[in-house]
PDB file of N, CA and C in Angstrom:
ATOM      1  N   UNK A   1     -10.254  -0.539 -17.401  1.00  0.00           N
ATOM      2  CA  UNK A   1      -9.904  -0.332 -16.245  1.00  0.00           C
ATOM      3  C   UNK A   1     -10.306  -0.838 -15.171  1.00  0.00           C
ATOM      4  N   UNK A   2      -9.693  -1.616 -14.059  1.00  0.00           N
ATOM      5  CA  UNK A   2     -11.105  -1.270 -12.693  1.00  0.00           C
ATOM      6  C   UNK A   2     -10.430  -0.628 -11.795  1.00  0.00           C
ATOM      7  N   UNK A   3     -11.408  -0.151 -10.883  1.00  0.00           N
ATOM      8  CA  UNK A   3     -11.046   0.835  -9.647  1.00  0.00           C
ATOM      9  C   UNK A   3     -10.949  -0.226  -8.156  1.00  0.00           C
ATOM     10  N   UNK A   4      -9.448  -0.061  -7.441  1.00  0.00           N
ATOM     11  CA  UNK A   4      -9.758  -0.237  -6.679  1.00  0.00           C
ATOM     12  C   UNK A   4      -9.544   0.734  -5.278  1.00  0.00           C
ATOM     13  N   UNK A   5      -8.862   0.063  -4.020  1.00  0.00           N
ATOM     14  CA  UNK A   5      -8.964   0.785  -2.910  1.00  0.00           C
ATOM     15  C   UNK A   5      -7.938  -0.285  -2.201  1.00  0.00           C
ATOM     16  N   UNK A   6      -6.602   0.580  -1.911  1.00  0.00           N
ATOM     17  CA  UNK A   6      -5.697  -0.452  -1.394  1.00  0.00           C
ATOM     18  C   UNK A   6      -5.069   0.211  -0.307  1.00  0.00           C
ATOM     19  N   UNK A   7      -5.391  -0.866   1.093  1.00  0.00           N
ATOM     20  CA  UNK A   7      -4.807   0.189   2.453  1.00  0.00           C
ATOM     21  C   UNK A   7      -3.793  -0.506   2.908  1.00  0.00           C
ATOM     22  N   UNK A   8      -2.365  -0.062   3.100  1.00  0.00           N
ATOM     23  CA  UNK A   8      -1.227  -0.983   3.467  1.00  0.00           C
ATOM     24  C   UNK A   8      -0.704  -0.068   4.800  1.00  0.00           C
ATOM     25  N   UNK A   9       0.097  -0.934   5.538  1.00  0.00           N
ATOM     26  CA  UNK A   9       0.918  -0.509   6.656  1.00  0.00           C
ATOM     27  C   UNK A   9       1.955  -0.777   6.824  1.00  0.00           C
ATOM     28  N   UNK A  10       3.258   0.377   7.142  1.00  0.00           N
ATOM     29  CA  UNK A  10       4.419   0.154   6.915  1.00  0.00           C
ATOM     30  C   UNK A  10       4.688  -0.193   8.363  1.00  0.00           C
ATOM     31  N   UNK A  11       6.169  -0.784   8.620  1.00  0.00           N
ATOM     32  CA  UNK A  11       6.760  -0.821   9.880  1.00  0.00           C
ATOM     33  C   UNK A  11       6.702   0.942  10.351  1.00  0.00           C
ATOM     34  N   UNK A  12       6.493   0.937  11.865  1.00  0.00           N
ATOM     35  CA  UNK A  12       6.822   2.974  12.572  1.00  0.00           C
ATOM     36  C   UNK A  12       8.271   2.967  13.062  1.00  0.00           C
ATOM     37  N   UNK A  13       9.172   1.930  12.513  1.00  0.00           N
ATOM     38  CA  UNK A  13      10.051   1.977  13.192  1.00  0.00           C
ATOM     39  C   UNK A  13      11.594   2.788  11.996  1.00  0.00           C
ATOM     40  N   UNK A  14      10.637   3.209  11.020  1.00  0.00           N
ATOM     41  CA  UNK A  14      11.689   3.473   9.982  1.00  0.00           C
ATOM     42  C   UNK A  14      11.295   4.691  10.074  1.00  0.00           C
ATOM     43  N   UNK A  15      12.811   5.160   9.013  1.00  0.00           N
ATOM     44  CA  UNK A  15      12.979   6.689   9.215  1.00  0.00           C
ATOM     45  C   UNK A  15      12.044   7.102   7.999  1.00  0.00           C
ATOM     46  N   UNK A  16      12.436   8.741   8.467  1.00  0.00           N
ATOM     47  CA  UNK A  16      11.404   9.184   7.198  1.00  0.00           C
ATOM     48  C   UNK A  16      11.924   9.316   5.645  1.00  0.00           C
ATOM     49  N   UNK A  17      13.196   9.131   5.629  1.00  0.00           N
ATOM     50  CA  UNK A  17      13.500   9.183   4.073  1.00  0.00           C
ATOM     51  C   UNK A  17      12.601   7.838   3.485  1.00  0.00           C
ATOM     52  N   UNK A  18      12.925   6.486   4.414  1.00  0.00           N
ATOM     53  CA  UNK A  18      12.550   5.122   3.704  1.00  0.00           C
ATOM     54  C   UNK A  18      11.351   4.913   3.707  1.00  0.00           C
ATOM     55  N   UNK A  19      10.259   6.353   4.661  1.00  0.00           N
ATOM     56  CA  UNK A  19       9.304   5.724   4.355  1.00  0.00           C
ATOM     57  C   UNK A  19       8.853   6.642   3.148  1.00  0.00           C
ATOM     58  N   UNK A  20       9.317   7.463   3.129  1.00  0.00           N
ATOM     59  CA  UNK A  20       9.307   8.467   1.322  1.00  0.00           C
ATOM     60  C   UNK A  20       9.458   7.478   0.591  1.00  0.00           C
ATOM     61  N   UNK A  21      10.608   6.435   0.625  1.00  0.00           N
ATOM     62  CA  UNK A  21      10.934   5.531  -0.901  1.00  0.00           C
ATOM     63  C   UNK A  21      10.146   4.535  -0.958  1.00  0.00           C
ATOM     64  N   UNK A  22       9.369   4.307   0.278  1.00  0.00           N
ATOM     65  CA  UNK A  22       8.541   2.827   0.237  1.00  0.00           C
ATOM     66  C   UNK A  22       7.453   3.293  -0.345  1.00  0.00           C
ATOM     67  N   UNK A  23       6.720   4.725  -0.019  1.00  0.00           N
ATOM     68  CA  UNK A  23       5.491   5.564  -0.777  1.00  0.00           C
ATOM     69  C   UNK A  23       5.896   5.563  -2.194  1.00  0.00           C
ATOM     70  N   UNK A  24       6.941   5.814  -2.578  1.00  0.00           N
ATOM     71  CA  UNK A  24       7.079   6.024  -3.909  1.00  0.00           C
ATOM     72  C   UNK A  24       7.229   5.021  -4.607  1.00  0.00           C
ATOM     73  N   UNK A  25       7.882   4.333  -4.015  1.00  0.00           N
ATOM     74  CA  UNK A  25       7.983   2.714  -4.842  1.00  0.00           C
ATOM     75  C   UNK A  25       6.653   1.990  -5.097  1.00  0.00           C
ATOM     76  N   UNK A  26       5.474   1.918  -4.047  1.00  0.00           N
ATOM     77  CA  UNK A  26       4.548   1.430  -3.668  1.00  0.00           C
ATOM     78  C   UNK A  26       3.618   2.173  -4.977  1.00  0.00           C
ATOM     79  N   UNK A  27       3.629   3.524  -5.132  1.00  0.00           N
ATOM     80  CA  UNK A  27       2.973   4.038  -6.462  1.00  0.00           C
ATOM     81  C   UNK A  27       3.215   3.845  -7.513  1.00  0.00           C
ATOM     82  N   UNK A  28       4.727   3.887  -7.551  1.00  0.00           N
ATOM     83  CA  UNK A  28       5.376   3.727  -9.235  1.00  0.00           C
ATOM     84  C   UNK A  28       4.919   2.379  -9.105  1.00  0.00           C
ATOM     85  N   UNK A  29       5.040   1.104  -8.476  1.00  0.00           N
ATOM     86  CA  UNK A  29       4.301  -0.195  -8.928  1.00  0.00           C
ATOM     87  C   UNK A  29       3.136  -0.221  -9.456  1.00  0.00           C
ATOM     88  N   UNK A  30       2.554   0.815  -9.113  1.00  0.00           N
ATOM     89  CA  UNK A  30       0.992   0.913  -9.762  1.00  0.00           C
ATOM     90  C   UNK A  30       1.301   1.291 -11.691  1.00  0.00           C
ATOM     91  N   UNK A  31       1.946   2.686 -10.935  1.00  0.00           N
ATOM     92  CA  UNK A  31       2.215   3.310 -12.755  1.00  0.00           C
ATOM     93  C   UNK A  31       3.248   2.868 -13.677  1.00  0.00           C
ATOM     94  N   UNK A  32       3.794   1.822 -13.145  1.00  0.00           N
ATOM     95  CA  UNK A  32       4.704   0.509 -14.346  1.00  0.00           C
ATOM     96  C   UNK A  32       3.983  -0.046 -14.959  1.00  0.00           C
ATOM     97  N   UNK A  33       2.883  -0.581 -14.571  1.00  0.00           N
ATOM     98  CA  UNK A  33       2.225  -1.885 -15.216  1.00  0.00           C
ATOM     99  C   UNK A  33       1.020  -0.878 -15.743  1.00  0.00           C
ATOM    100  N   UNK A  34       1.133   0.307 -16.760  1.00  0.00           N
ATOM    101  CA  UNK A  34      -0.227   1.299 -17.579  1.00  0.00           C
ATOM    102  C   UNK A  34      -1.267   1.349 -16.453  1.00  0.00           C
ATOM    103  N   UNK A  35      -1.248   1.504 -15.394  1.00  0.00           N
ATOM    104  CA  UNK A  35      -2.231   2.065 -14.523  1.00  0.00           C
ATOM    105  C   UNK A  35      -2.006   3.199 -13.558  1.00  0.00           C
ATOM    106  N   UNK A  36      -3.078   3.504 -12.864  1.00  0.00           N
ATOM    107  CA  UNK A  36      -3.041   4.869 -12.336  1.00  0.00           C
ATOM    108  C   UNK A  36      -3.377   5.772 -10.973  1.00  0.00           C
ATOM    109  N   UNK A  37      -2.406   5.719 -10.082  1.00  0.00           N
ATOM    110  CA  UNK A  37      -2.885   6.116  -8.935  1.00  0.00           C
ATOM    111  C   UNK A  37      -4.061   7.857  -9.153  1.00  0.00           C
ATOM    112  N   UNK A  38      -5.365   7.147  -8.403  1.00  0.00           N
ATOM    113  CA  UNK A  38      -5.787   8.506  -8.409  1.00  0.00           C
ATOM    114  C   UNK A  38      -6.092   9.522  -7.191  1.00  0.00           C
ATOM    115  N   UNK A  39      -5.698   8.560  -5.819  1.00  0.00           N
ATOM    116  CA  UNK A  39      -5.614   9.332  -4.817  1.00  0.00           C
ATOM    117  C   UNK A  39      -4.893   8.559  -3.589  1.00  0.00           C
ATOM    118  N   UNK A  40      -3.431   9.698  -3.272  1.00  0.00           N
ATOM    119  CA  UNK A  40      -2.555   8.770  -2.085  1.00  0.00           C
ATOM    120  C   UNK A  40      -2.822   9.183  -0.682  1.00  0.00           C
ATOM    121  N   UNK A  41      -3.065   8.547  -0.150  1.00  0.00           N
ATOM    122  CA  UNK A  41      -3.303   9.365   1.444  1.00  0.00           C
ATOM    123  C   UNK A  41      -2.885   9.052   2.388  1.00  0.00           C
ATOM    124  N   UNK A  42      -1.785   9.986   3.057  1.00  0.00           N
ATOM    125  CA  UNK A  42      -1.147   9.309   4.420  1.00  0.00           C
ATOM    126  C   UNK A  42      -1.951   9.691   5.218  1.00  0.00           C
ATOM    127  N   UNK A  43      -2.544   8.220   6.292  1.00  0.00           N
ATOM    128  CA  UNK A  43      -3.322   8.570   7.320  1.00  0.00           C
ATOM    129  C   UNK A  43      -2.441   8.432   8.675  1.00  0.00           C
ATOM    130  N   UNK A  44      -1.138   8.644   8.793  1.00  0.00           N
ATOM    131  CA  UNK A  44      -0.421   8.911   9.882  1.00  0.00           C
ATOM    132  C   UNK A  44      -0.351   7.412  10.494  1.00  0.00           C
ATOM    133  N   UNK A  45       0.434   7.820  12.099  1.00  0.00           N
ATOM    134  CA  UNK A  45       1.072   6.560  12.789  1.00  0.00           C
ATOM    135  C   UNK A  45      -0.042   6.298  13.681  1.00  0.00           C
ATOM    136  N   UNK A  46      -0.143   5.073  13.608  1.00  0.00           N
ATOM    137  CA  UNK A  46      -1.852   4.703  14.540  1.00  0.00           C
ATOM    138  C   UNK A  46      -1.206   3.212  15.250  1.00  0.00           C
ATOM    139  N   UNK A  47      -1.837   2.873  16.537  1.00  0.00           N
ATOM    140  CA  UNK A  47      -1.376   1.802  17.363  1.00  0.00           C
ATOM    141  C   UNK A  47      -2.381   0.909  16.625  1.00  0.00           C
ATOM    142  N   UNK A  48      -1.671  -0.705  16.802  1.00  0.00           N
ATOM    143  CA  UNK A  48      -2.169  -1.597  15.925  1.00  0.00           C
ATOM    144  C   UNK A  48      -3.117  -2.254  17.146  1.00  0.00           C
ATOM    145  N   UNK A  49      -4.021  -2.979  16.164  1.00  0.00           N
ATOM    146  CA  UNK A  49      -4.970  -3.389  17.853  1.00  0.00           C
ATOM    147  C   UNK A  49      -4.126  -5.041  18.138  1.00  0.00           C
ATOM    148  N   UNK A  50      -3.080  -5.368  17.687  1.00  0.00           N
ATOM    149  CA  UNK A  50      -2.198  -6.845  18.051  1.00  0.00           C
ATOM    150  C   UNK A  50      -1.357  -6.659  17.515  1.00  0.00           C
ATOM    151  N   UNK A  51       0.085  -6.849  17.936  1.00  0.00           N
ATOM    152  CA  UNK A  51       1.479  -6.966  17.465  1.00  0.00           C
ATOM    153  C   UNK A  51       1.533  -7.712  15.954  1.00  0.00           C
ATOM    154  N   UNK A  52       2.092  -7.250  15.110  1.00  0.00           N
ATOM    155  CA  UNK A  52       2.543  -7.918  13.750  1.00  0.00           C
ATOM    156  C   UNK A  52       3.776  -7.786  13.789  1.00  0.00           C
ATOM    157  N   UNK A  53       4.478  -8.997  13.673  1.00  0.00           N
ATOM    158  CA  UNK A  53       5.936  -8.946  13.535  1.00  0.00           C
ATOM    159  C   UNK A  53       6.524  -8.096  14.458  1.00  0.00           C
ATOM    160  N   UNK A  54       6.164  -8.457  15.810  1.00  0.00           N
ATOM    161  CA  UNK A  54       6.384  -7.973  16.874  1.00  0.00           C
ATOM    162  C   UNK A  54       6.780  -6.171  16.794  1.00  0.00           C
ATOM    163  N   UNK A  55       5.480  -5.717  15.943  1.00  0.00           N
ATOM    164  CA  UNK A  55       5.416  -3.771  15.860  1.00  0.00           C
ATOM    165  C   UNK A  55       4.351  -4.026  16.266  1.00  0.00           C
ATOM    166  N   UNK A  56       4.184  -2.436  17.332  1.00  0.00           N
ATOM    167  CA  UNK A  56       2.985  -2.324  18.085  1.00  0.00           C
ATOM    168  C   UNK A  56       2.187  -1.141  17.642  1.00  0.00           C
ATOM    169  N   UNK A  57       2.926  -0.531  16.369  1.00  0.00           N
ATOM    170  CA  UNK A  57       2.224   0.390  15.899  1.00  0.00           C
ATOM    171  C   UNK A  57       3.111   1.075  14.173  1.00  0.00           C
ATOM    172  N   UNK A  58       1.895   1.256  13.443  1.00  0.00           N
ATOM    173  CA  UNK A  58       2.306   1.365  11.926  1.00  0.00           C
ATOM    174  C   UNK A  58       1.921   2.958  11.688  1.00  0.00           C
ATOM    175  N   UNK A  59       2.698   2.948  10.274  1.00  0.00           N
ATOM    176  CA  UNK A  59       2.357   4.421   9.437  1.00  0.00           C
ATOM    177  C   UNK A  59       1.229   3.358   8.256  1.00  0.00           C
ATOM    178  N   UNK A  60      -0.054   4.049   8.287  1.00  0.00           N
ATOM    179  CA  UNK A  60      -1.478   3.420   7.463  1.00  0.00           C
ATOM    180  C   UNK A  60      -1.173   4.547   6.390  1.00  0.00           C
ATOM    181  N   UNK A  61      -1.263   3.442   5.403  1.00  0.00           N
ATOM    182  CA  UNK A  61      -1.817   4.551   3.720  1.00  0.00           C
ATOM    183  C   UNK A  61      -2.916   3.985   2.876  1.00  0.00           C
ATOM    184  N   UNK A  62      -3.432   5.250   2.252  1.00  0.00           N
ATOM    185  CA  UNK A  62      -4.911   4.372   1.607  1.00  0.00           C
ATOM    186  C   UNK A  62      -4.376   5.252   0.318  1.00  0.00           C
ATOM    187  N   UNK A  63      -4.756   4.214  -0.497  1.00  0.00           N
ATOM    188  CA  UNK A  63      -4.540   4.553  -2.109  1.00  0.00           C
ATOM    189  C   UNK A  63      -6.227   4.055  -3.099  1.00  0.00           C
ATOM    190  N   UNK A  64      -6.305   5.155  -3.886  1.00  0.00           N
ATOM    191  CA  UNK A  64      -7.448   4.428  -4.753  1.00  0.00           C
ATOM    192  C   UNK A  64      -6.839   5.005  -6.257  1.00  0.00           C
ATOM    193  N   UNK A  65      -7.207   3.320  -6.640  1.00  0.00           N
ATOM    194  CA  UNK A  65      -6.558   3.221  -8.103  1.00  0.00           C
ATOM    195  C   UNK A  65      -7.104   2.441  -9.381  1.00  0.00           C
ATOM    196  N   UNK A  66      -6.818   3.017 -10.582  1.00  0.00           N
ATOM    197  CA  UNK A  66      -7.425   2.630 -11.574  1.00  0.00           C
ATOM    198  C   UNK A  66      -6.723   1.224 -12.210  1.00  0.00           C
ATOM    199  N   UNK A  67      -6.859  -0.030 -12.455  1.00  0.00           N
ATOM    200  CA  UNK A  67      -5.696  -0.937 -12.758  1.00  0.00           C
ATOM    201  C   UNK A  67      -6.428  -1.991 -13.225  1.00  0.00           C
ATOM    202  N   UNK A  68      -4.952  -2.698 -13.779  1.00  0.00           N
ATOM    203  CA  UNK A  68      -5.682  -3.974 -14.641  1.00  0.00           C
ATOM    204  C   UNK A  68      -5.486  -4.738 -13.739  1.00  0.00           C
ATOM    205  N   UNK A  69      -5.755  -6.450 -13.538  1.00  0.00           N
ATOM    206  CA  UNK A  69      -5.938  -7.257 -12.840  1.00  0.00           C
ATOM    207  C   UNK A  69      -4.313  -7.942 -12.961  1.00  0.00           C
ATOM    208  N   UNK A  70      -3.648  -7.353 -13.907  1.00  0.00           N
ATOM    209  CA  UNK A  70      -2.169  -8.177 -13.806  1.00  0.00           C
ATOM    210  C   UNK A  70      -1.197  -7.243 -13.173  1.00  0.00           C
ATOM    211  N   UNK A  71      -2.061  -6.000 -13.284  1.00  0.00           N
ATOM    212  CA  UNK A  71      -1.040  -5.060 -12.406  1.00  0.00           C
ATOM    213  C   UNK A  71      -1.426  -5.253 -10.776  1.00  0.00           C
ATOM    214  N   UNK A  72      -2.144  -5.271 -10.433  1.00  0.00           N
ATOM    215  CA  UNK A  72      -2.796  -5.985  -9.214  1.00  0.00           C
ATOM    216  C   UNK A  72      -2.025  -6.933  -8.492  1.00  0.00           C
ATOM    217  N   UNK A  73      -2.061  -8.293  -9.282  1.00  0.00           N
ATOM    218  CA  UNK A  73      -1.375  -9.638  -9.324  1.00  0.00           C
ATOM    219  C   UNK A  73      -0.013  -9.081  -8.558  1.00  0.00           C
ATOM    220  N   UNK A  74       0.814  -8.189  -9.601  1.00  0.00           N
ATOM    221  CA  UNK A  74       2.114  -7.779  -9.110  1.00  0.00           C
ATOM    222  C   UNK A  74       2.424  -6.990  -8.308  1.00  0.00           C
ATOM    223  N   UNK A  75       1.610  -5.943  -8.154  1.00  0.00           N
ATOM    224  CA  UNK A  75       1.928  -5.068  -6.739  1.00  0.00           C
ATOM    225  C   UNK A  75       1.099  -6.275  -5.764  1.00  0.00           C
ATOM    226  N   UNK A  76       0.096  -6.890  -5.468  1.00  0.00           N
ATOM    227  CA  UNK A  76       0.163  -7.698  -4.279  1.00  0.00           C
ATOM    228  C   UNK A  76       1.347  -8.792  -4.033  1.00  0.00           C
ATOM    229  N   UNK A  77       2.290  -9.292  -5.285  1.00  0.00           N
ATOM    230  CA  UNK A  77       3.204 -10.059  -5.035  1.00  0.00           C
ATOM    231  C   UNK A  77       4.113  -9.341  -4.708  1.00  0.00           C
ATOM    232  N   UNK A  78       4.854  -7.812  -5.174  1.00  0.00           N
ATOM    233  CA  UNK A  78       6.013  -7.056  -4.383  1.00  0.00           C
ATOM    234  C   UNK A  78       5.607  -7.103  -2.951  1.00  0.00           C
ATOM    235  N   UNK A  79       4.215  -6.722  -2.662  1.00  0.00           N
ATOM    236  CA  UNK A  79       4.153  -6.262  -1.208  1.00  0.00           C
ATOM    237  C   UNK A  79       4.439  -7.452  -0.296  1.00  0.00           C
ATOM    238  N   UNK A  80       4.213  -8.593  -0.618  1.00  0.00           N
ATOM    239  CA  UNK A  80       3.977  -9.446   0.093  1.00  0.00           C
ATOM    240  C   UNK A  80       5.609  -9.539   0.532  1.00  0.00           C
ATOM    241  N   UNK A  81       6.629  -9.505  -0.512  1.00  0.00           N
ATOM    242  CA  UNK A  81       7.675 -10.212  -0.158  1.00  0.00           C
ATOM    243  C   UNK A  81       8.380  -8.621   0.661  1.00  0.00           C
ATOM    244  N   UNK A  82       8.028  -7.693   0.321  1.00  0.00           N
ATOM    245  CA  UNK A  82       8.897  -6.540   0.973  1.00  0.00           C
ATOM    246  C   UNK A  82       8.964  -6.756   2.532  1.00  0.00           C
ATOM    247  N   UNK A  83       9.657  -6.275   3.126  1.00  0.00           N
ATOM    248  CA  UNK A  83       9.565  -6.775   4.846  1.00  0.00           C
ATOM    249  C   UNK A  83       9.410  -5.440   5.300  1.00  0.00           C
ATOM    250  N   UNK A  84       9.144  -4.510   4.581  1.00  0.00           N
ATOM    251  CA  UNK A  84       8.970  -3.499   5.791  1.00  0.00           C
ATOM    252  C   UNK A  84       7.236  -3.331   5.795  1.00  0.00           C
ATOM    253  N   UNK A  85       6.552  -3.691   5.178  1.00  0.00           N
ATOM    254  CA  UNK A  85       5.002  -3.838   5.073  1.00  0.00           C
ATOM    255  C   UNK A  85       4.907  -4.656   6.072  1.00  0.00           C
ATOM    256  N   UNK A  86       3.729  -4.329   6.988  1.00  0.00           N
ATOM    257  CA  UNK A  86       3.154  -5.229   7.757  1.00  0.00           C
ATOM    258  C   UNK A  86       2.135  -6.319   7.265  1.00  0.00           C
ATOM    259  N   UNK A  87       0.814  -5.383   7.094  1.00  0.00           N
ATOM    260  CA  UNK A  87      -0.049  -5.951   6.030  1.00  0.00           C
ATOM    261  C   UNK A  87      -0.599  -5.084   4.798  1.00  0.00           C
ATOM    262  N   UNK A  88      -1.143  -5.238   3.636  1.00  0.00           N
ATOM    263  CA  UNK A  88      -2.078  -4.901   2.825  1.00  0.00           C
ATOM    264  C   UNK A  88      -3.384  -5.560   2.617  1.00  0.00           C
ATOM    265  N   UNK A  89      -3.917  -4.441   2.233  1.00  0.00           N
ATOM    266  CA  UNK A  89      -5.380  -4.851   1.787  1.00  0.00           C
ATOM    267  C   UNK A  89      -6.110  -4.507   0.393  1.00  0.00           C
ATOM    268  N   UNK A  90      -6.497  -4.816  -0.265  1.00  0.00           N
ATOM    269  CA  UNK A  90      -7.134  -4.634  -1.788  1.00  0.00           C
ATOM    270  C   UNK A  90      -8.208  -5.002  -2.015  1.00  0.00           C
ATOM    271  N   UNK A  91      -8.881  -4.167  -2.539  1.00  0.00           N
ATOM    272  CA  UNK A  91     -10.758  -4.108  -2.911  1.00  0.00           C
ATOM    273  C   UNK A  91     -11.108  -3.329  -4.228  1.00  0.00           C
ATOM    274  N   UNK A  92     -11.809  -4.437  -4.509  1.00  0.00           N
ATOM    275  CA  UNK A  92     -12.267  -4.137  -5.721  1.00  0.00           C
ATOM    276  C   UNK A  92     -13.255  -3.134  -5.204  1.00  0.00           C
ATOM    277  N   UNK A  93     -13.522  -1.696  -6.320  1.00  0.00           N
ATOM    278  CA  UNK A  93     -14.803  -1.162  -6.158  1.00  0.00           C
ATOM    279  C   UNK A  93     -15.854  -1.546  -6.897  1.00  0.00           C
ATOM    280  N   UNK A  94     -17.117  -1.677  -6.478  1.00  0.00           N
ATOM    281  CA  UNK A  94     -17.725  -1.719  -7.346  1.00  0.00           C
ATOM    282  C   UNK A  94     -17.999  -0.842  -8.318  1.00  0.00           C
ATOM    283  N   UNK A  95     -19.070  -0.729  -9.472  1.00  0.00           N
ATOM    284  CA  UNK A  95     -18.982   0.074 -10.649  1.00  0.00           C
ATOM    285  C   UNK A  95     -20.183   0.965 -10.027  1.00  0.00           C
ATOM    286  N   UNK A  96     -19.932   2.321  -9.658  1.00  0.00           N
ATOM    287  CA  UNK A  96     -20.925   3.424  -9.538  1.00  0.00           C
ATOM    288  C   UNK A  96     -22.079   3.450 -10.934  1.00  0.00           C
TER     289      UNK A  96
END
């Protein structure tokens, strides 16, 4: 399996329970596909550099995962169709 670093931004207009549900759902997307979450970090609410989908701020999250290519493709697909996601970025880490 390959190591990836994933950062995603969630709408800041959501309430706390919705945010918790989204973060659990995102982690579940990885673990359901025979992959594992190494680290999950809540980076808090930050102002965006420019408006995205009429939002001016968002909650930032950072995940380090060890996953298969298929798991990452499915993860990317699901995040693209989630209306509460503003942006996401998946980076493949170089082997150390």
